[in-house]
Amino acid sequence: MAMNSPSPARTGTIVITIEKGLSPKGIARLLKDNQLIRQSFTFELAYSLYYYPHSLKAGEYQFSLPAIPRKIMLDLISGRVLLHPLTIPEGLTYLEISELLAARNYPLTGSFVEACRATSLIADLDPEAPNLEGYLFPDTYYFARGVRAEDMVKTMVEEFRKNFGQQERERARVLKMSIRQVITLASLIEKETGQPEEKPLISAVFHNRLRLKMKLDCDPTIIYALKLQNRFDGNLRRADKNLNSPYNTYLYTGLPPGPICNPGRNSIQAALYPADVDYLYFVSKNDGSHVFNRSYAEHLLAVKKFQLKNHRQLR
């Protein structure tokens, strides 16, 4: 009967942490001190009589008040710990994700950057990868306090695999592209537009340029190269087009050596299924959308209309 009696505390929620190695007696005392149960002895006795040898698991727990001792017991036995949400926006690099975790003081254990060097997680997908860039799938995740960085990146890679399955692999083969090439292209698309409806059009421009062996002239690749050298201050200058980096698609034809961010599903699908158009150029309208053109002459007119006043780079 006592195990079904509501807690002394009646409203709100309470968060408590069960430390590793704490005995059932110590847990019962902690629950009583936090007004989650009325009598520690009754809780401890019920555990020894009805629930032992199931262990009461350590971790961070959140209980709604009033709490019922029996439910608390079951939550502790099943390990229903408090999960902290983590939203990874599309288009971040793994270093930017690490900065996001630090800025939010996210309760993980270990180094996220170090964990992203575990290329064994994607060796079957991308044997050339020097890190997990491109394979940390953007989504909202829920982790317990103290989650290991290694487990965090493993979960993100597993989510990538769910979104790049057999159908996507087969499509990559049809395009005669490796998975690394697809994700690299998807990362360029991700950084060029946030408009879902434009992604297949951006993809078409890049596919068409690759087929014609034209340089991609993709500004975000230069920005990524500058970031790798810790030289990007938020502004892209005309002189940066001459930056000597294999990521500089103004200097080198073809795709850059690898992904420049972690793309979302829409960008990945766009890389695999470009629009059936013959566009070769696009330019920003400064409102989040772009103008697409087939000829360079048309492109220059669009640049003059939308970009020259802002001193933006020509594509």
C-alpha atoms as a PDB file:
ATOM      1  CA  MET A   1       0.000   0.000   0.000  1.00  0.00           C
ATOM      2  CA  ALA A   2       2.843   2.410   0.921  1.00  0.00           C
ATOM      3  CA  MET A   3       4.421   1.857  -2.499  1.00  0.00           C
ATOM      4  CA  ASN A   4       1.310   3.336  -4.093  1.00  0.00           C
ATOM      5  CA  SER A   5       1.070   6.388  -1.833  1.00  0.00           C
ATOM      6  CA  PRO A   6       1.836   9.712  -3.547  1.00  0.00           C
ATOM      7  CA  SER A   7       5.009  11.549  -2.627  1.00  0.00           C
ATOM      8  CA  PRO A   8       5.024  14.405  -0.101  1.00  0.00           C
ATOM      9  CA  ALA A   9       6.030  16.824  -2.881  1.00  0.00           C
ATOM     10  CA  ARG A  10       2.859  17.440  -4.886  1.00  0.00           C
ATOM     11  CA  THR A  11       3.518  19.738  -7.867  1.00  0.00           C
ATOM     12  CA  GLY A  12       6.069  20.277 -10.614  1.00  0.00           C
ATOM     13  CA  THR A  13       8.977  18.037 -11.538  1.00  0.00           C
ATOM     14  CA  ILE A  14      12.221  17.115  -9.845  1.00  0.00           C
ATOM     15  CA  VAL A  15      15.535  15.902 -11.221  1.00  0.00           C
ATOM     16  CA  ILE A  16      17.850  13.724  -9.158  1.00  0.00           C
ATOM     17  CA  THR A  17      21.095  11.932  -9.956  1.00  0.00           C
ATOM     18  CA  ILE A  18      21.763   8.394  -8.783  1.00  0.00           C
ATOM     19  CA  GLU A  19      25.523   8.075  -8.577  1.00  0.00           C
ATOM     20  CA  LYS A  20      27.244   4.855  -9.579  1.00  0.00           C
ATOM     21  CA  GLY A  21      27.810   2.528  -6.645  1.00  0.00           C
ATOM     22  CA  LEU A  22      25.072   4.037  -4.489  1.00  0.00           C
ATOM     23  CA  SER A  23      23.394   1.287  -2.439  1.00  0.00           C
ATOM     24  CA  PRO A  24      19.619   0.678  -2.368  1.00  0.00           C
ATOM     25  CA  LYS A  25      19.658   2.105   1.166  1.00  0.00           C
ATOM     26  CA  GLY A  26      21.467   5.223  -0.056  1.00  0.00           C
ATOM     27  CA  ILE A  27      19.044   5.586  -2.982  1.00  0.00           C
ATOM     28  CA  ALA A  28      16.049   5.292  -0.648  1.00  0.00           C
ATOM     29  CA  ARG A  29      17.529   7.981   1.597  1.00  0.00           C
ATOM     30  CA  LEU A  30      18.143  10.259  -1.416  1.00  0.00           C
ATOM     31  CA  LEU A  31      14.536   9.813  -2.559  1.00  0.00           C
ATOM     32  CA  LYS A  32      13.224  10.675   0.888  1.00  0.00           C
ATOM     33  CA  ASP A  33      15.483  13.725   1.185  1.00  0.00           C
ATOM     34  CA  ASN A  34      13.996  14.986  -2.071  1.00  0.00           C
ATOM     35  CA  GLN A  35      10.412  14.310  -0.886  1.00  0.00           C
ATOM     36  CA  LEU A  36       9.824  11.668  -3.537  1.00  0.00           C
ATOM     37  CA  ILE A  37       8.914   9.000  -0.982  1.00  0.00           C
ATOM     38  CA  ARG A  38       7.616   9.206   2.588  1.00  0.00           C
ATOM     39  CA  GLN A  39       9.690   6.461   4.218  1.00  0.00           C
ATOM     40  CA  SER A  40      13.107   5.266   3.054  1.00  0.00           C
ATOM     41  CA  PHE A  41      12.823   2.025   5.056  1.00  0.00           C
ATOM     42  CA  THR A  42       9.598   1.009   3.301  1.00  0.00           C
ATOM     43  CA  PHE A  43      11.126   1.645  -0.134  1.00  0.00           C
ATOM     44  CA  GLU A  44      14.285  -0.302   0.744  1.00  0.00           C
ATOM     45  CA  LEU A  45      12.249  -3.184   2.197  1.00  0.00           C
ATOM     46  CA  ALA A  46      10.001  -3.377  -0.877  1.00  0.00           C
ATOM     47  CA  TYR A  47      13.093  -3.536  -3.080  1.00  0.00           C
ATOM     48  CA  SER A  48      14.647  -6.406  -1.110  1.00  0.00           C
ATOM     49  CA  LEU A  49      11.370  -8.368  -0.946  1.00  0.00           C
ATOM     50  CA  TYR A  50       9.925  -7.879  -4.436  1.00  0.00           C
ATOM     51  CA  TYR A  51      12.499  -6.483  -6.845  1.00  0.00           C
ATOM     52  CA  TYR A  52      15.892  -7.860  -5.886  1.00  0.00           C
ATOM     53  CA  PRO A  53      18.118  -9.026  -7.686  1.00  0.00           C
ATOM     54  CA  HIS A  54      17.170  -6.426 -10.312  1.00  0.00           C
ATOM     55  CA  SER A  55      19.581  -3.520  -9.951  1.00  0.00           C
ATOM     56  CA  LEU A  56      18.632   0.108  -9.420  1.00  0.00           C
ATOM     57  CA  LYS A  57      20.488   1.827 -12.237  1.00  0.00           C
ATOM     58  CA  ALA A  58      22.600   4.931 -11.892  1.00  0.00           C
ATOM     59  CA  GLY A  59      21.841   8.026 -13.906  1.00  0.00           C
ATOM     60  CA  GLU A  60      19.903  11.263 -14.037  1.00  0.00           C
ATOM     61  CA  TYR A  61      16.136  10.920 -13.532  1.00  0.00           C
ATOM     62  CA  GLN A  62      13.239  13.330 -13.816  1.00  0.00           C
ATOM     63  CA  PHE A  63      10.033  12.614 -11.920  1.00  0.00           C
ATOM     64  CA  SER A  64       6.672  14.329 -12.232  1.00  0.00           C
ATOM     65  CA  LEU A  65       5.015  15.182  -8.950  1.00  0.00           C
ATOM     66  CA  PRO A  66       3.246  13.782  -7.110  1.00  0.00           C
ATOM     67  CA  ALA A  67       5.355  10.677  -7.662  1.00  0.00           C
ATOM     68  CA  ILE A  68       4.337   7.110  -6.858  1.00  0.00           C
ATOM     69  CA  PRO A  69       7.083   5.036  -5.163  1.00  0.00           C
ATOM     70  CA  ARG A  70       6.263   1.939  -7.186  1.00  0.00           C
ATOM     71  CA  LYS A  71       6.703   3.836 -10.457  1.00  0.00           C
ATOM     72  CA  ILE A  72       9.966   5.337  -9.184  1.00  0.00           C
ATOM     73  CA  MET A  73      11.176   1.816  -8.399  1.00  0.00           C
ATOM     74  CA  LEU A  74      10.281   0.556 -11.878  1.00  0.00           C
ATOM     75  CA  ASP A  75      11.915   3.566 -13.535  1.00  0.00           C
ATOM     76  CA  LEU A  76      15.127   2.969 -11.601  1.00  0.00           C
ATOM     77  CA  ILE A  77      15.127  -0.736 -12.437  1.00  0.00           C
ATOM     78  CA  SER A  78      14.512  -0.136 -16.147  1.00  0.00           C
ATOM     79  CA  GLY A  79      16.944   2.778 -16.280  1.00  0.00           C
ATOM     80  CA  ARG A  80      14.476   5.317 -17.700  1.00  0.00           C
ATOM     81  CA  VAL A  81      16.971   8.137 -17.343  1.00  0.00           C
ATOM     82  CA  LEU A  82      16.378  11.743 -18.368  1.00  0.00           C
ATOM     83  CA  LEU A  83      17.277  12.299 -22.018  1.00  0.00           C
ATOM     84  CA  HIS A  84      18.643  15.648 -23.158  1.00  0.00           C
ATOM     85  CA  PRO A  85      17.594  16.829 -26.643  1.00  0.00           C
ATOM     86  CA  LEU A  86      20.290  17.748 -29.136  1.00  0.00           C
ATOM     87  CA  THR A  87      19.375  19.269 -32.488  1.00  0.00           C
ATOM     88  CA  ILE A  88      22.101  19.164 -35.130  1.00  0.00           C
ATOM     89  CA  PRO A  89      21.207  21.610 -37.913  1.00  0.00           C
ATOM     90  CA  GLU A  90      21.909  20.681 -41.505  1.00  0.00           C
ATOM     91  CA  GLY A  91      25.134  21.990 -42.963  1.00  0.00           C
ATOM     92  CA  LEU A  92      27.441  22.071 -39.927  1.00  0.00           C
ATOM     93  CA  THR A  93      30.959  20.653 -40.048  1.00  0.00           C
ATOM     94  CA  TYR A  94      32.015  18.217 -37.357  1.00  0.00           C
ATOM     95  CA  LEU A  95      34.118  20.987 -35.793  1.00  0.00           C
ATOM     96  CA  GLU A  96      31.082  23.280 -35.730  1.00  0.00           C
ATOM     97  CA  ILE A  97      29.043  20.522 -34.092  1.00  0.00           C
ATOM     98  CA  SER A  98      31.746  20.297 -31.430  1.00  0.00           C
ATOM     99  CA  GLU A  99      31.498  24.065 -30.918  1.00  0.00           C
ATOM    100  CA  LEU A 100      27.706  23.764 -30.650  1.00  0.00           C
ATOM    101  CA  LEU A 101      28.065  21.116 -27.939  1.00  0.00           C
ATOM    102  CA  ALA A 102      30.491  23.308 -26.022  1.00  0.00           C
ATOM    103  CA  ALA A 103      28.289  26.403 -26.350  1.00  0.00           C
ATOM    104  CA  ARG A 104      25.312  24.504 -24.965  1.00  0.00           C
ATOM    105  CA  ASN A 105      27.405  22.844 -22.269  1.00  0.00           C
ATOM    106  CA  TYR A 106      25.959  19.546 -23.439  1.00  0.00           C
ATOM    107  CA  PRO A 107      26.577  16.827 -20.825  1.00  0.00           C
ATOM    108  CA  LEU A 108      28.769  14.413 -22.789  1.00  0.00           C
ATOM    109  CA  THR A 109      31.917  12.583 -21.763  1.00  0.00           C
ATOM    110  CA  GLY A 110      35.073  12.722 -23.861  1.00  0.00           C
ATOM    111  CA  SER A 111      36.091  14.665 -26.956  1.00  0.00           C
ATOM    112  CA  PHE A 112      33.625  14.921 -29.835  1.00  0.00           C
ATOM    113  CA  VAL A 113      36.435  15.927 -32.217  1.00  0.00           C
ATOM    114  CA  GLU A 114      38.512  12.902 -31.238  1.00  0.00           C
ATOM    115  CA  ALA A 115      35.474  10.629 -31.630  1.00  0.00           C
ATOM    116  CA  CYS A 116      35.002  11.922 -35.191  1.00  0.00           C
ATOM    117  CA  ARG A 117      38.318  10.346 -36.137  1.00  0.00           C
ATOM    118  CA  ALA A 118      36.814   6.860 -35.731  1.00  0.00           C
ATOM    119  CA  THR A 119      36.664   6.180 -39.468  1.00  0.00           C
ATOM    120  CA  SER A 120      36.150   2.477 -38.803  1.00  0.00           C
ATOM    121  CA  LEU A 121      32.464   3.381 -38.411  1.00  0.00           C
ATOM    122  CA  ILE A 122      32.241   4.181 -42.140  1.00  0.00           C
ATOM    123  CA  ALA A 123      35.096   2.093 -43.573  1.00  0.00           C
ATOM    124  CA  ASP A 124      32.666   0.089 -45.699  1.00  0.00           C
ATOM    125  CA  LEU A 125      31.043   3.253 -47.062  1.00  0.00           C
ATOM    126  CA  ASP A 126      34.068   5.478 -47.485  1.00  0.00           C
ATOM    127  CA  PRO A 127      37.479   3.822 -47.061  1.00  0.00           C
ATOM    128  CA  GLU A 128      39.208   7.115 -47.958  1.00  0.00           C
ATOM    129  CA  ALA A 129      37.627   9.182 -45.204  1.00  0.00           C
ATOM    130  CA  PRO A 130      40.089  10.870 -42.799  1.00  0.00           C
ATOM    131  CA  ASN A 131      37.236  11.616 -40.378  1.00  0.00           C
ATOM    132  CA  LEU A 132      33.441  11.424 -40.133  1.00  0.00           C
ATOM    133  CA  GLU A 133      32.752  14.686 -41.982  1.00  0.00           C
ATOM    134  CA  GLY A 134      29.618  14.228 -44.066  1.00  0.00           C
ATOM    135  CA  TYR A 135      28.365  11.167 -42.201  1.00  0.00           C
ATOM    136  CA  LEU A 136      27.027  12.781 -39.001  1.00  0.00           C
ATOM    137  CA  PHE A 137      23.371  12.917 -39.929  1.00  0.00           C
ATOM    138  CA  PRO A 138      21.613  16.180 -38.978  1.00  0.00           C
ATOM    139  CA  ASP A 139      18.629  15.435 -36.755  1.00  0.00           C
ATOM    140  CA  THR A 140      17.308  15.822 -33.211  1.00  0.00           C
ATOM    141  CA  TYR A 141      18.825  13.271 -30.858  1.00  0.00           C
ATOM    142  CA  TYR A 142      18.227  12.413 -27.219  1.00  0.00           C
ATOM    143  CA  PHE A 143      21.125  11.347 -25.024  1.00  0.00           C
ATOM    144  CA  ALA A 144      21.515  10.671 -21.327  1.00  0.00           C
ATOM    145  CA  ARG A 145      23.798  12.861 -19.223  1.00  0.00           C
ATOM    146  CA  GLY A 146      27.366  11.692 -19.515  1.00  0.00           C
ATOM    147  CA  VAL A 147      26.910   9.999 -22.892  1.00  0.00           C
ATOM    148  CA  ARG A 148      30.281   9.066 -24.361  1.00  0.00           C
ATOM    149  CA  ALA A 149      31.291  11.087 -27.404  1.00  0.00           C
ATOM    150  CA  GLU A 150      32.052   7.805 -29.154  1.00  0.00           C
ATOM    151  CA  ASP A 151      28.480   6.611 -28.631  1.00  0.00           C
ATOM    152  CA  MET A 152      27.117   9.957 -29.771  1.00  0.00           C
ATOM    153  CA  VAL A 153      28.900   9.903 -33.132  1.00  0.00           C
ATOM    154  CA  LYS A 154      28.057   6.226 -33.554  1.00  0.00           C
ATOM    155  CA  THR A 155      24.358   7.075 -33.193  1.00  0.00           C
ATOM    156  CA  MET A 156      24.697   9.865 -35.781  1.00  0.00           C
ATOM    157  CA  VAL A 157      26.436   7.552 -38.243  1.00  0.00           C
ATOM    158  CA  GLU A 158      23.748   4.904 -37.705  1.00  0.00           C
ATOM    159  CA  GLU A 159      21.136   7.531 -38.559  1.00  0.00           C
ATOM    160  CA  PHE A 160      23.082   8.345 -41.720  1.00  0.00           C
ATOM    161  CA  ARG A 161      22.964   4.682 -42.700  1.00  0.00           C
ATOM    162  CA  LYS A 162      19.180   4.669 -42.252  1.00  0.00           C
ATOM    163  CA  ASN A 163      18.974   7.532 -44.723  1.00  0.00           C
ATOM    164  CA  PHE A 164      21.513   6.136 -47.168  1.00  0.00           C
ATOM    165  CA  GLY A 165      20.418   2.566 -47.664  1.00  0.00           C
ATOM    166  CA  GLN A 166      20.456   0.065 -50.479  1.00  0.00           C
ATOM    167  CA  GLN A 167      18.324   2.204 -52.783  1.00  0.00           C
ATOM    168  CA  GLU A 168      20.682   5.159 -52.423  1.00  0.00           C
ATOM    169  CA  ARG A 169      23.731   2.960 -52.950  1.00  0.00           C
ATOM    170  CA  GLU A 170      22.221   1.517 -56.110  1.00  0.00           C
ATOM    171  CA  ARG A 171      21.423   4.997 -57.394  1.00  0.00           C
ATOM    172  CA  ALA A 172      25.030   6.054 -56.757  1.00  0.00           C
ATOM    173  CA  ARG A 173      26.193   3.114 -58.859  1.00  0.00           C
ATOM    174  CA  VAL A 174      23.848   4.167 -61.671  1.00  0.00           C
ATOM    175  CA  LEU A 175      25.418   7.642 -61.542  1.00  0.00           C
ATOM    176  CA  LYS A 176      28.867   6.014 -61.477  1.00  0.00           C
ATOM    177  CA  MET A 177      29.665   7.877 -58.296  1.00  0.00           C
ATOM    178  CA  SER A 178      31.167   6.628 -55.065  1.00  0.00           C
ATOM    179  CA  ILE A 179      29.320   7.230 -51.820  1.00  0.00           C
ATOM    180  CA  ARG A 180      32.003   9.747 -50.908  1.00  0.00           C
ATOM    181  CA  GLN A 181      31.395  11.648 -54.149  1.00  0.00           C
ATOM    182  CA  VAL A 182      27.632  11.688 -53.571  1.00  0.00           C
ATOM    183  CA  ILE A 183      27.992  13.009 -50.026  1.00  0.00           C
ATOM    184  CA  THR A 184      30.586  15.546 -51.135  1.00  0.00           C
ATOM    185  CA  LEU A 185      28.194  16.821 -53.808  1.00  0.00           C
ATOM    186  CA  ALA A 186      25.333  16.815 -51.298  1.00  0.00           C
ATOM    187  CA  SER A 187      27.424  18.933 -48.929  1.00  0.00           C
ATOM    188  CA  LEU A 188      27.958  21.545 -51.651  1.00  0.00           C
ATOM    189  CA  ILE A 189      24.227  21.621 -52.357  1.00  0.00           C
ATOM    190  CA  GLU A 190      23.513  21.949 -48.632  1.00  0.00           C
ATOM    191  CA  LYS A 191      25.742  25.009 -48.329  1.00  0.00           C
ATOM    192  CA  GLU A 192      24.445  26.669 -51.488  1.00  0.00           C
ATOM    193  CA  THR A 193      20.749  26.760 -50.636  1.00  0.00           C
ATOM    194  CA  GLY A 194      18.352  26.251 -47.791  1.00  0.00           C
ATOM    195  CA  GLN A 195      15.369  26.067 -50.148  1.00  0.00           C
ATOM    196  CA  PRO A 196      14.281  22.402 -50.574  1.00  0.00           C
ATOM    197  CA  GLU A 197      12.728  23.080 -53.978  1.00  0.00           C
ATOM    198  CA  GLU A 198      16.011  24.543 -55.276  1.00  0.00           C
ATOM    199  CA  LYS A 199      18.250  21.692 -54.233  1.00  0.00           C
ATOM    200  CA  PRO A 200      17.574  19.491 -57.320  1.00  0.00           C
ATOM    201  CA  LEU A 201      18.255  22.549 -59.530  1.00  0.00           C
ATOM    202  CA  ILE A 202      21.566  23.307 -57.782  1.00  0.00           C
ATOM    203  CA  SER A 203      22.392  19.625 -58.135  1.00  0.00           C
ATOM    204  CA  ALA A 204      21.639  19.752 -61.864  1.00  0.00           C
ATOM    205  CA  VAL A 205      24.013  22.693 -62.329  1.00  0.00           C
ATOM    206  CA  PHE A 206      26.811  20.815 -60.590  1.00  0.00           C
ATOM    207  CA  HIS A 207      26.108  17.540 -62.417  1.00  0.00           C
ATOM    208  CA  ASN A 208      26.072  19.378 -65.746  1.00  0.00           C
ATOM    209  CA  ARG A 209      29.315  21.159 -64.959  1.00  0.00           C
ATOM    210  CA  LEU A 210      30.996  17.944 -63.861  1.00  0.00           C
ATOM    211  CA  ARG A 211      29.930  16.255 -67.076  1.00  0.00           C
ATOM    212  CA  LEU A 212      31.340  19.121 -69.161  1.00  0.00           C
ATOM    213  CA  LYS A 213      34.507  19.247 -67.011  1.00  0.00           C
ATOM    214  CA  MET A 214      33.771  22.827 -66.010  1.00  0.00           C
ATOM    215  CA  LYS A 215      34.971  24.102 -62.654  1.00  0.00           C
ATOM    216  CA  LEU A 216      32.195  24.151 -60.066  1.00  0.00           C
ATOM    217  CA  ASP A 217      33.044  27.678 -58.841  1.00  0.00           C
ATOM    218  CA  CYS A 218      31.372  26.968 -55.508  1.00  0.00           C
ATOM    219  CA  ASP A 219      31.993  29.682 -52.900  1.00  0.00           C
ATOM    220  CA  PRO A 220      31.353  27.413 -49.870  1.00  0.00           C
ATOM    221  CA  THR A 221      34.303  25.209 -50.866  1.00  0.00           C
ATOM    222  CA  ILE A 222      36.650  28.201 -50.518  1.00  0.00           C
ATOM    223  CA  ILE A 223      35.078  29.064 -47.170  1.00  0.00           C
ATOM    224  CA  TYR A 224      35.661  25.491 -46.000  1.00  0.00           C
ATOM    225  CA  ALA A 225      39.291  25.658 -47.150  1.00  0.00           C
ATOM    226  CA  LEU A 226      39.757  28.924 -45.268  1.00  0.00           C
ATOM    227  CA  LYS A 227      38.217  27.392 -42.153  1.00  0.00           C
ATOM    228  CA  LEU A 228      40.637  24.475 -42.361  1.00  0.00           C
ATOM    229  CA  GLN A 229      43.452  27.039 -42.235  1.00  0.00           C
ATOM    230  CA  ASN A 230      41.661  29.007 -39.486  1.00  0.00           C
ATOM    231  CA  ARG A 231      41.574  32.007 -41.807  1.00  0.00           C
ATOM    232  CA  PHE A 232      37.865  32.618 -42.366  1.00  0.00           C
ATOM    233  CA  ASP A 233      36.601  35.791 -40.695  1.00  0.00           C
ATOM    234  CA  GLY A 234      33.068  35.724 -42.080  1.00  0.00           C
ATOM    235  CA  ASN A 235      33.911  37.521 -45.319  1.00  0.00           C
ATOM    236  CA  LEU A 236      34.758  35.968 -48.677  1.00  0.00           C
ATOM    237  CA  ARG A 237      37.073  38.193 -50.710  1.00  0.00           C
ATOM    238  CA  ARG A 238      37.925  38.193 -54.409  1.00  0.00           C
ATOM    239  CA  ALA A 239      41.531  37.310 -53.585  1.00  0.00           C
ATOM    240  CA  ASP A 240      40.331  34.144 -51.822  1.00  0.00           C
ATOM    241  CA  LYS A 241      39.471  32.657 -55.226  1.00  0.00           C
ATOM    242  CA  ASN A 242      43.219  32.115 -55.637  1.00  0.00           C
ATOM    243  CA  LEU A 243      43.613  30.196 -52.385  1.00  0.00           C
ATOM    244  CA  ASN A 244      45.835  27.220 -53.082  1.00  0.00           C
ATOM    245  CA  SER A 245      43.723  24.378 -51.711  1.00  0.00           C
ATOM    246  CA  PRO A 246      42.340  21.199 -53.292  1.00  0.00           C
ATOM    247  CA  TYR A 247      38.977  22.330 -51.902  1.00  0.00           C
ATOM    248  CA  ASN A 248      39.059  25.490 -54.024  1.00  0.00           C
ATOM    249  CA  THR A 249      36.650  24.710 -56.870  1.00  0.00           C
ATOM    250  CA  TYR A 250      37.552  27.988 -58.544  1.00  0.00           C
ATOM    251  CA  LEU A 251      41.052  26.595 -59.158  1.00  0.00           C
ATOM    252  CA  TYR A 252      40.448  22.881 -59.581  1.00  0.00           C
ATOM    253  CA  THR A 253      37.924  21.004 -61.688  1.00  0.00           C
ATOM    254  CA  GLY A 254      35.792  18.232 -60.282  1.00  0.00           C
ATOM    255  CA  LEU A 255      34.532  17.727 -56.770  1.00  0.00           C
ATOM    256  CA  PRO A 256      36.636  18.737 -53.771  1.00  0.00           C
ATOM    257  CA  PRO A 257      38.467  15.944 -51.902  1.00  0.00           C
ATOM    258  CA  GLY A 258      35.598  15.341 -49.483  1.00  0.00           C
ATOM    259  CA  PRO A 259      32.436  16.694 -47.851  1.00  0.00           C
ATOM    260  CA  ILE A 260      32.519  20.303 -46.653  1.00  0.00           C
ATOM    261  CA  CYS A 261      29.718  19.796 -44.123  1.00  0.00           C
ATOM    262  CA  ASN A 262      27.186  17.240 -42.932  1.00  0.00           C
ATOM    263  CA  PRO A 263      24.275  17.389 -45.393  1.00  0.00           C
ATOM    264  CA  GLY A 264      20.649  16.570 -44.641  1.00  0.00           C
ATOM    265  CA  ARG A 265      18.380  14.125 -46.409  1.00  0.00           C
ATOM    266  CA  ASN A 266      17.002  16.649 -48.921  1.00  0.00           C
ATOM    267  CA  SER A 267      20.485  17.534 -50.128  1.00  0.00           C
ATOM    268  CA  ILE A 268      21.513  13.883 -50.340  1.00  0.00           C
ATOM    269  CA  GLN A 269      18.444  13.038 -52.383  1.00  0.00           C
ATOM    270  CA  ALA A 270      19.068  16.047 -54.620  1.00  0.00           C
ATOM    271  CA  ALA A 271      22.630  14.883 -55.262  1.00  0.00           C
ATOM    272  CA  LEU A 272      21.284  11.499 -56.304  1.00  0.00           C
ATOM    273  CA  TYR A 273      18.318  12.828 -58.299  1.00  0.00           C
ATOM    274  CA  PRO A 274      19.173  16.152 -59.982  1.00  0.00           C
ATOM    275  CA  ALA A 275      16.468  18.020 -61.864  1.00  0.00           C
ATOM    276  CA  ASP A 276      16.251  17.290 -65.595  1.00  0.00           C
ATOM    277  CA  VAL A 277      17.397  20.735 -66.734  1.00  0.00           C
ATOM    278  CA  ASP A 278      20.398  22.056 -68.649  1.00  0.00           C
ATOM    279  CA  TYR A 279      21.278  24.952 -66.346  1.00  0.00           C
ATOM    280  CA  LEU A 280      24.975  25.743 -65.931  1.00  0.00           C
ATOM    281  CA  TYR A 281      24.791  28.869 -63.774  1.00  0.00           C
ATOM    282  CA  PHE A 282      22.970  30.252 -60.767  1.00  0.00           C
ATOM    283  CA  VAL A 283      23.235  33.407 -58.726  1.00  0.00           C
ATOM    284  CA  SER A 284      21.703  34.460 -55.431  1.00  0.00           C
ATOM    285  CA  LYS A 285      18.834  36.946 -55.408  1.00  0.00           C
ATOM    286  CA  ASN A 286      19.792  37.911 -51.853  1.00  0.00           C
ATOM    287  CA  ASP A 287      16.488  36.645 -50.479  1.00  0.00           C
ATOM    288  CA  GLY A 288      17.452  32.990 -50.036  1.00  0.00           C
ATOM    289  CA  SER A 289      16.524  32.038 -53.597  1.00  0.00           C
ATOM    290  CA  HIS A 290      18.494  31.889 -56.855  1.00  0.00           C
ATOM    291  CA  VAL A 291      18.225  32.672 -60.548  1.00  0.00           C
ATOM    292  CA  PHE A 292      19.208  29.823 -62.848  1.00  0.00           C
ATOM    293  CA  ASN A 293      20.490  30.228 -66.394  1.00  0.00           C
ATOM    294  CA  ARG A 294      21.767  28.149 -69.283  1.00  0.00           C
ATOM    295  CA  SER A 295      24.145  30.643 -70.912  1.00  0.00           C
ATOM    296  CA  TYR A 296      26.950  32.744 -69.510  1.00  0.00           C
ATOM    297  CA  ALA A 297      25.479  35.862 -71.128  1.00  0.00           C
ATOM    298  CA  GLU A 298      22.196  35.349 -69.268  1.00  0.00           C
ATOM    299  CA  HIS A 299      24.129  34.662 -66.095  1.00  0.00           C
ATOM    300  CA  LEU A 300      26.060  37.937 -66.372  1.00  0.00           C
ATOM    301  CA  LEU A 301      22.806  39.845 -66.693  1.00  0.00           C
ATOM    302  CA  ALA A 302      21.527  38.152 -63.525  1.00  0.00           C
ATOM    303  CA  VAL A 303      24.770  38.932 -61.720  1.00  0.00           C
ATOM    304  CA  LYS A 304      24.521  42.565 -62.768  1.00  0.00           C
ATOM    305  CA  LYS A 305      20.945  42.730 -61.525  1.00  0.00           C
ATOM    306  CA  PHE A 306      21.346  40.985 -58.187  1.00  0.00           C
ATOM    307  CA  GLN A 307      24.997  40.888 -57.188  1.00  0.00           C
ATOM    308  CA  LEU A 308      27.282  43.613 -58.486  1.00  0.00           C
ATOM    309  CA  LYS A 309      25.848  46.191 -56.113  1.00  0.00           C
ATOM    310  CA  ASN A 310      26.884  43.928 -53.246  1.00  0.00           C
ATOM    311  CA  HIS A 311      30.331  43.172 -54.684  1.00  0.00           C
ATOM    312  CA  ARG A 312      29.686  39.458 -54.638  1.00  0.00           C
ATOM    313  CA  GLN A 313      31.861  36.982 -56.493  1.00  0.00           C
ATOM    314  CA  LEU A 314      30.930  35.822 -59.985  1.00  0.00           C
ATOM    315  CA  ARG A 315      30.125  32.179 -60.323  1.00  0.00           C
END
